Amino acid sequence: MAESLEDKILHSSNGRPEYTCWRPSSLYSLSVTELDYEEVHDIQRTVHLEDFQDIIKNSTMIPHSLTELSHTHLIKILPDVQGLWYSSSRPDKGQNNWYGNVSLQVNFRQFLQMLKSYNIYFSEITDYNSTSASRLLITNKNLPLPSYDPSKLGGPWYYDGKKDWFLTECRRYDGRCNFNGHNVELLLSLSDTQYASLLYESKIVAVNHSEANSTEKHKCKKHRSGTRWTTCPSPYSAEKTSEILSYLNEDTLSICIL
């Protein structure tokens, strides 16, 4: 797919939260300097305890349809696509994780080797008030999106032939700075076999979600964000979640639970 000569707004929302989805004139014009990258070893997806129990029960990662809560223009052009959002795995400092109780982590390079053959597409940059996210889609499907080449410097993900690097600072559509940094988000749209293999390769880590029902913002994305404001059923510390995980039947899956 040919690229436009100008940055292009794909979708915007003035709701809660406000955001703008856009595509740059060049997919490799997002970094300001080479120092805007950090090496990535693992990627992770964090879920609530009840969702993890469903994963255990089905012995596979469970893909989801895109919704308005995904803050992506893809729901307009690819309404039938299902997948899972992943991001770079950073050291857990014990702070409240607003995504949930359980992190599923996988080595990024080993994951790509497991897929063997795959396509990489550029989805969008989503700018929020003080942060932004660049989105890439990894799949074995052929989709009407711009193809992405990680061997080229300047985009969300750069592979130098030995190491993988994700962008930590990115230019915005409005030219302002990201006061709270930038994240690279991967939408994995895989086959049933690949979803099962993804779980098999995952390391399971209990994380802190004890502040989920706080009256403050950004404490529980699933139950208490945007226009949704309900009680989270699992406002547990990492220690409490770890105790619950120890009761699950680990023999059903060959995964590492920490």
Protein backbone atom coordinates (compact mmCIF):
# COMPACT_ATOMS: atom_id res chain seq x y z
CA MET A 1 0.00 0.00 0.00
CA ALA A 2 1.44 3.35 -1.04
CA GLU A 3 2.14 5.93 1.65
CA SER A 4 0.66 9.44 1.67
CA LEU A 5 2.90 12.48 1.31
CA GLU A 6 1.43 13.92 4.51
CA ASP A 7 0.55 12.70 8.00
CA LYS A 8 -3.07 11.52 7.95
CA ILE A 9 -5.68 11.43 10.72
CA LEU A 10 -7.47 8.07 10.67
CA HIS A 11 -9.85 8.48 13.60
CA SER A 12 -10.33 10.82 16.55
CA SER A 13 -12.48 10.95 19.66
CA ASN A 14 -13.42 13.84 21.93
CA GLY A 15 -14.87 11.45 24.50
CA ARG A 16 -13.27 9.92 27.53
CA PRO A 17 -10.41 9.60 26.90
CA GLU A 18 -9.64 12.01 24.07
CA TYR A 19 -7.36 10.53 21.44
CA THR A 20 -6.28 10.82 17.81
CA CYS A 21 -5.28 7.90 15.57
CA TRP A 22 -3.01 8.89 12.70
CA ARG A 23 -0.51 7.53 10.19
CA PRO A 24 2.77 9.32 9.44
CA SER A 25 3.79 10.31 5.92
CA SER A 26 6.70 7.90 6.34
CA LEU A 27 6.44 4.93 8.68
CA TYR A 28 10.10 5.45 9.57
CA SER A 29 9.94 9.12 10.53
CA LEU A 30 8.79 8.71 14.12
CA SER A 31 12.01 8.75 16.14
CA VAL A 32 13.81 11.97 16.95
CA THR A 33 17.19 10.35 17.66
CA GLU A 34 18.60 6.82 17.93
CA LEU A 35 18.46 7.29 21.70
CA ASP A 36 14.66 7.10 21.50
CA TYR A 37 14.82 3.29 21.51
CA GLU A 38 15.21 0.67 24.23
CA GLU A 39 16.12 -2.98 23.73
CA VAL A 40 13.23 -5.38 24.11
CA HIS A 41 13.64 -9.00 25.21
CA ASP A 42 10.12 -10.02 26.24
CA ILE A 43 6.61 -8.93 25.35
CA GLN A 44 3.67 -9.35 27.68
CA ARG A 45 -0.08 -9.27 28.04
CA THR A 46 -1.69 -8.65 31.44
CA VAL A 47 -5.19 -9.95 32.21
CA HIS A 48 -7.58 -10.17 35.12
CA LEU A 49 -7.64 -13.31 37.23
CA GLU A 50 -11.01 -14.45 35.87
CA ASP A 51 -9.71 -14.12 32.30
CA PHE A 52 -6.59 -16.09 33.16
CA GLN A 53 -8.75 -18.86 34.61
CA ASP A 54 -10.59 -19.03 31.27
CA ILE A 55 -7.23 -19.30 29.52
CA ILE A 56 -6.22 -22.18 31.78
CA LYS A 57 -9.57 -23.89 31.25
CA ASN A 58 -9.25 -23.68 27.44
CA SER A 59 -5.48 -24.41 27.37
CA THR A 60 -4.93 -21.55 24.93
CA MET A 61 -4.74 -17.80 24.67
CA ILE A 62 -8.20 -16.47 23.81
CA PRO A 63 -8.38 -13.78 21.10
CA HIS A 64 -10.88 -10.94 21.29
CA SER A 65 -12.68 -8.74 18.81
CA LEU A 66 -11.70 -5.09 18.58
CA THR A 67 -14.07 -2.65 20.30
CA GLU A 68 -14.35 1.09 20.90
CA LEU A 69 -12.27 0.52 24.02
CA SER A 70 -9.37 -0.54 21.77
CA HIS A 71 -9.00 3.10 20.62
CA THR A 72 -8.10 2.03 17.09
CA HIS A 73 -9.33 2.86 13.59
CA LEU A 74 -9.05 -0.85 12.70
CA ILE A 75 -12.60 -1.49 13.91
CA LYS A 76 -13.76 0.49 10.86
CA ILE A 77 -11.71 -1.25 8.18
CA LEU A 78 -11.20 -4.70 9.75
CA PRO A 79 -14.35 -5.28 11.85
CA ASP A 80 -13.94 -9.08 11.84
CA VAL A 81 -10.31 -9.20 12.97
CA GLN A 82 -9.63 -10.78 16.36
CA GLY A 83 -6.37 -10.69 18.24
CA LEU A 84 -4.46 -9.97 21.43
CA TRP A 85 -2.64 -6.80 22.42
CA TYR A 86 0.92 -7.15 23.70
CA SER A 87 3.57 -4.62 24.72
CA SER A 88 7.16 -4.59 25.89
CA SER A 89 7.76 -6.30 29.23
CA ARG A 90 9.38 -3.89 31.67
CA PRO A 91 10.65 -4.63 35.21
CA ASP A 92 7.82 -4.95 37.72
CA LYS A 93 8.34 -2.32 40.43
CA GLY A 94 5.38 -3.49 42.48
CA GLN A 95 3.12 -0.60 41.52
CA ASN A 96 -0.55 -1.13 40.71
CA ASN A 97 -0.95 -2.64 37.24
CA TRP A 98 -4.10 -1.22 35.72
CA TYR A 99 -4.45 -4.03 33.19
CA GLY A 100 -5.04 -6.79 35.74
CA ASN A 101 -3.56 -9.47 37.99
CA VAL A 102 -1.59 -11.85 35.78
CA SER A 103 1.10 -11.06 33.21
CA LEU A 104 1.86 -13.57 30.46
CA GLN A 105 5.38 -12.94 29.19
CA VAL A 106 7.11 -14.45 26.18
CA ASN A 107 10.54 -13.93 24.65
CA PHE A 108 9.94 -11.76 21.61
CA ARG A 109 12.55 -13.28 19.30
CA GLN A 110 11.53 -16.84 20.22
CA PHE A 111 7.91 -15.92 19.56
CA LEU A 112 8.77 -14.71 16.05
CA GLN A 113 10.75 -17.88 15.40
CA MET A 114 7.74 -19.92 16.54
CA LEU A 115 5.56 -18.19 13.95
CA LYS A 116 8.11 -18.96 11.19
CA SER A 117 6.15 -17.10 8.50
CA TYR A 118 4.26 -13.90 9.24
CA ASN A 119 3.33 -10.46 7.95
CA ILE A 120 3.92 -7.20 9.80
CA TYR A 121 1.57 -4.28 9.21
CA PHE A 122 1.58 -0.70 10.45
CA SER A 123 -1.73 0.20 12.06
CA GLU A 124 -1.49 3.68 13.56
CA ILE A 125 -0.14 6.05 16.16
CA THR A 126 -2.66 6.84 18.89
CA ASP A 127 -2.01 10.15 20.66
CA TYR A 128 -3.55 10.71 24.08
CA ASN A 129 -3.21 13.88 26.17
CA SER A 130 0.23 13.15 27.58
CA THR A 131 1.32 9.84 26.04
CA SER A 132 1.05 7.91 22.79
CA ALA A 133 1.20 4.37 21.41
CA SER A 134 2.35 3.07 18.04
CA ARG A 135 0.50 -0.03 16.87
CA LEU A 136 1.76 -2.85 14.67
CA LEU A 137 -0.19 -5.94 13.62
CA ILE A 138 1.58 -9.31 13.33
CA THR A 139 -0.36 -12.04 11.53
CA ASN A 140 -0.20 -14.78 8.92
CA LYS A 141 -3.12 -13.14 7.11
CA ASN A 142 -2.93 -10.79 4.13
CA LEU A 143 -4.54 -7.50 5.10
CA PRO A 144 -5.13 -4.11 3.42
CA LEU A 145 -2.66 -2.25 5.61
CA PRO A 146 0.80 -0.76 5.00
CA SER A 147 3.52 -3.41 5.30
CA TYR A 148 6.17 -2.69 7.93
CA ASP A 149 9.90 -3.50 7.71
CA PRO A 150 11.59 -3.62 11.17
CA SER A 151 15.06 -3.57 9.59
CA LYS A 152 14.54 0.14 8.82
CA LEU A 153 15.41 2.64 11.54
CA GLY A 154 12.91 5.31 12.51
CA GLY A 155 9.73 3.28 13.10
CA PRO A 156 8.17 1.76 16.24
CA TRP A 157 10.22 -1.45 16.08
CA TYR A 158 13.80 -1.67 14.86
CA TYR A 159 15.74 -4.91 14.39
CA ASP A 160 19.45 -4.36 13.84
CA GLY A 161 20.14 -7.96 12.84
CA LYS A 162 20.95 -9.05 16.39
CA LYS A 163 18.71 -7.17 18.79
CA ASP A 164 15.15 -5.84 18.81
CA TRP A 165 14.46 -2.25 19.81
CA PHE A 166 11.14 -0.54 20.61
CA LEU A 167 10.52 3.20 20.41
CA THR A 168 10.20 4.99 23.76
CA GLU A 169 9.70 8.51 22.41
CA CYS A 170 7.74 9.39 19.30
CA ARG A 171 6.72 12.55 17.51
CA ARG A 172 3.04 13.47 17.82
CA TYR A 173 0.59 14.61 15.18
CA ASP A 174 0.17 17.98 16.92
CA GLY A 175 3.90 18.44 17.44
CA ARG A 176 3.69 18.46 21.24
CA CYS A 177 5.82 16.32 23.56
CA ASN A 178 4.75 13.09 25.26
CA PHE A 179 5.17 13.97 28.91
CA ASN A 180 4.48 10.36 29.93
CA GLY A 181 6.43 8.63 27.19
CA HIS A 182 5.51 6.31 24.36
CA ASN A 183 4.64 2.60 24.09
CA VAL A 184 4.79 0.15 21.22
CA GLU A 185 1.72 -2.10 21.10
CA LEU A 186 1.49 -5.28 19.06
CA LEU A 187 -1.79 -6.77 17.92
CA LEU A 188 -1.23 -10.50 17.41
CA SER A 189 -3.82 -12.07 15.09
CA LEU A 190 -2.85 -15.73 14.92
CA SER A 191 -4.12 -19.21 14.15
CA ASP A 192 -5.66 -21.46 16.83
CA THR A 193 -2.47 -23.54 16.94
CA GLN A 194 -0.32 -20.45 17.34
CA TYR A 195 -2.46 -19.12 20.20
CA ALA A 196 -2.01 -22.43 22.03
CA SER A 197 1.75 -22.34 21.37
CA LEU A 198 1.91 -18.76 22.62
CA LEU A 199 0.50 -19.86 25.97
CA TYR A 200 2.86 -22.84 26.11
CA GLU A 201 5.85 -20.48 25.65
CA SER A 202 4.62 -18.00 28.25
CA LYS A 203 5.98 -17.25 31.70
CA ILE A 204 3.19 -16.42 34.17
CA VAL A 205 3.79 -13.63 36.69
CA ALA A 206 1.41 -12.36 39.38
CA VAL A 207 1.29 -8.55 39.53
CA ASN A 208 -0.20 -5.98 41.88
CA HIS A 209 -3.78 -4.93 41.15
CA SER A 210 -4.75 -4.03 44.72
CA GLU A 211 -5.73 -0.44 43.92
CA ALA A 212 -8.24 -1.49 41.25
CA ASN A 213 -11.28 -0.08 43.07
CA SER A 214 -9.67 3.20 44.02
CA THR A 215 -11.56 6.37 43.14
CA GLU A 216 -8.46 7.56 41.27
CA LYS A 217 -8.07 7.22 37.51
CA HIS A 218 -5.97 4.60 35.70
CA LYS A 219 -6.34 1.89 38.33
CA CYS A 220 -8.37 -0.74 36.40
CA LYS A 221 -8.72 -0.51 32.64
CA LYS A 222 -11.28 -3.30 32.26
CA HIS A 223 -13.77 -2.26 34.92
CA ARG A 224 -13.05 1.39 35.79
CA SER A 225 -12.03 3.44 32.75
CA GLY A 226 -13.69 5.66 30.18
CA THR A 227 -17.46 5.61 30.67
CA ARG A 228 -17.34 2.26 32.49
CA TRP A 229 -17.17 2.47 36.28
CA THR A 230 -17.98 -0.83 38.01
CA THR A 231 -16.41 -2.83 40.82
CA CYS A 232 -13.37 -4.90 39.89
CA PRO A 233 -13.83 -8.46 41.22
CA SER A 234 -10.09 -9.06 41.77
CA PRO A 235 -8.46 -6.10 43.56
CA TYR A 236 -5.59 -8.27 44.78
CA SER A 237 -1.95 -7.77 45.62
CA ALA A 238 0.67 -9.77 43.72
CA GLU A 239 1.07 -11.97 46.78
CA LYS A 240 -2.66 -12.74 46.98
CA THR A 241 -2.82 -13.53 43.27
CA SER A 242 0.26 -15.74 43.57
CA GLU A 243 -1.49 -17.74 46.32
CA ILE A 244 -4.55 -18.21 44.10
CA LEU A 245 -2.42 -19.29 41.16
CA SER A 246 -0.74 -21.92 43.32
CA TYR A 247 -4.11 -23.65 43.68
CA LEU A 248 -4.61 -23.93 39.94
CA ASN A 249 -3.72 -27.25 38.38
CA GLU A 250 -0.32 -26.58 36.83
CA ASP A 251 -0.28 -30.09 35.37
CA THR A 252 -2.82 -29.04 32.76
CA LEU A 253 -0.26 -26.80 31.09
CA SER A 254 3.52 -26.89 30.76
CA ILE A 255 3.99 -23.24 31.67
CA CYS A 256 6.14 -21.52 34.24
CA ILE A 257 4.22 -19.80 37.04
CA LEU A 258 6.28 -17.44 39.20
